[in-house]
Amino acid sequence: MAPPNLTRAEVLFHALSDATRLGILGMLRDGERCVCELQDELDAAQSRLSFHLRVLKDAGLVADRREGRWAYYTIVPGALAEVHDLAVRMQPRRSALPIHRAPSCCR
C-alpha cells in the first residue's frame, strides 16, 4: 500500500476540522443545496459561510454551480472516500509490534 500523500491529507483534514464545515457537509448529504438555505440553517453571516464553503471547495470536498444570482453546492462524489482511504493508510501495520525498548539514538 502506498504511503499517504501528506500534503493532500493536511488539506482534507484541515477542511474537516471545523464544526461549521462539518455541518455544511451534513446538510449536503441529501443532495444539492442553495447557499441561501445553508445560510438560513446555519444562521451564519454570508461572509463567514463563504469562507467555510471556499475551504471545502478548495479541498475538493464540495462543488458549486451558479444559477442566476444563486450558488448551489453539492458534495463531490468520491471526495469523502478519499478521506477514508487516507485515514486507512495511516493506520499501524498489522506486523508492527510495539517497541518496549529505547531506540538506539536514545541510549
Protein backbone atom coordinates (compact mmCIF):
# COMPACT_ATOMS: atom_id res chain seq x y z
CA MET A 1 0.00 0.00 0.00
CA ALA A 2 1.40 3.39 -0.99
CA PRO A 3 2.18 5.89 1.78
CA PRO A 4 -0.36 8.69 2.15
CA ASN A 5 0.14 11.99 0.38
CA LEU A 6 0.67 14.10 3.50
CA THR A 7 0.09 17.44 1.76
CA ARG A 8 -3.26 16.23 0.45
CA ALA A 9 -4.13 14.75 3.85
CA GLU A 10 -3.35 18.08 5.52
CA VAL A 11 -5.70 19.96 3.18
CA LEU A 12 -8.52 17.46 3.61
CA PHE A 13 -8.22 17.09 7.37
CA HIS A 14 -7.99 20.87 7.80
CA ALA A 15 -11.21 21.26 5.83
CA LEU A 16 -12.86 18.72 8.11
CA SER A 17 -11.52 20.23 11.34
CA ASP A 18 -14.27 22.80 11.84
CA ALA A 19 -17.78 22.23 13.20
CA THR A 20 -19.35 24.65 10.71
CA ARG A 21 -17.78 22.87 7.76
CA LEU A 22 -18.86 19.51 9.12
CA GLY A 23 -22.37 20.94 9.49
CA ILE A 24 -22.33 22.06 5.86
CA LEU A 25 -21.30 18.58 4.73
CA GLY A 26 -24.05 17.08 6.86
CA MET A 27 -26.60 19.35 5.21
CA LEU A 28 -25.33 18.37 1.75
CA ARG A 29 -25.63 14.63 2.43
CA ASP A 30 -29.10 14.53 0.91
CA GLY A 31 -28.07 16.44 -2.21
CA GLU A 32 -27.56 19.88 -3.61
CA ARG A 33 -28.48 22.91 -1.51
CA CYS A 34 -28.74 26.60 -2.31
CA VAL A 35 -26.34 28.84 -0.43
CA CYS A 36 -29.34 30.73 0.94
CA GLU A 37 -30.61 27.51 2.56
CA LEU A 38 -27.23 26.84 4.10
CA GLN A 39 -27.06 30.39 5.42
CA ASP A 40 -30.54 30.18 6.97
CA GLU A 41 -29.99 26.78 8.59
CA LEU A 42 -26.57 27.70 9.96
CA ASP A 43 -27.68 31.19 10.96
CA ALA A 44 -24.36 32.35 9.54
CA ALA A 45 -23.31 35.66 8.07
CA GLN A 46 -22.74 35.50 4.34
CA SER A 47 -19.02 36.30 4.65
CA ARG A 48 -18.48 33.57 7.27
CA LEU A 49 -20.36 31.00 5.21
CA SER A 50 -18.45 31.98 2.06
CA PHE A 51 -15.16 31.44 3.88
CA HIS A 52 -16.15 27.93 5.01
CA LEU A 53 -17.51 27.00 1.59
CA ARG A 54 -14.27 28.20 -0.02
CA VAL A 55 -12.20 25.96 2.31
CA LEU A 56 -14.38 22.96 1.42
CA LYS A 57 -14.28 23.79 -2.28
CA ASP A 58 -10.50 24.34 -2.31
CA ALA A 59 -10.09 20.95 -0.64
CA GLY A 60 -12.18 19.36 -3.39
CA LEU A 61 -14.89 18.24 -0.98
CA VAL A 62 -17.71 20.33 -2.45
CA ALA A 63 -18.53 21.76 -5.87
CA ASP A 64 -20.75 24.64 -6.78
CA ARG A 65 -22.81 25.72 -9.74
CA ARG A 66 -24.36 29.07 -10.48
CA GLU A 67 -27.94 29.65 -11.45
CA GLY A 68 -28.73 33.32 -11.81
CA ARG A 69 -27.59 35.07 -8.67
CA TRP A 70 -27.65 31.91 -6.55
CA ALA A 71 -24.97 29.32 -5.94
CA TYR A 72 -25.80 25.68 -5.29
CA TYR A 73 -23.42 23.34 -3.50
CA THR A 74 -23.03 19.58 -3.51
CA ILE A 75 -20.56 17.05 -2.13
CA VAL A 76 -18.05 15.92 -4.75
CA PRO A 77 -18.59 12.22 -5.44
CA GLY A 78 -15.73 10.19 -4.04
CA ALA A 79 -14.22 13.04 -2.01
CA LEU A 80 -15.09 11.55 1.37
CA ALA A 81 -13.94 8.14 0.15
CA GLU A 82 -10.55 9.78 -0.43
CA VAL A 83 -10.54 10.97 3.19
CA HIS A 84 -11.38 7.44 4.32
CA ASP A 85 -8.61 5.95 2.21
CA LEU A 86 -6.05 8.43 3.57
CA ALA A 87 -7.04 7.59 7.15
CA VAL A 88 -6.83 3.86 6.47
CA ARG A 89 -3.31 4.24 5.02
CA MET A 90 -2.23 5.92 8.27
CA GLN A 91 -3.29 3.00 10.47
CA PRO A 92 -0.50 0.98 12.05
CA ARG A 93 0.59 -2.01 10.03
CA ARG A 94 -0.58 -5.31 11.46
CA SER A 95 3.00 -6.53 11.55
CA ALA A 96 4.16 -3.53 13.58
CA LEU A 97 4.93 -4.59 17.11
CA PRO A 98 5.08 -2.12 19.98
CA ILE A 99 8.62 -1.13 20.82
CA HIS A 100 9.33 -1.54 24.54
CA ARG A 101 12.97 -0.58 24.39
CA ALA A 102 14.60 2.76 23.79
CA PRO A 103 15.74 3.25 20.21
CA SER A 104 19.50 3.28 19.69
CA CYS A 105 19.50 7.07 19.37
CA CYS A 106 18.24 7.46 22.97
CA ARG A 107 20.85 5.32 24.68
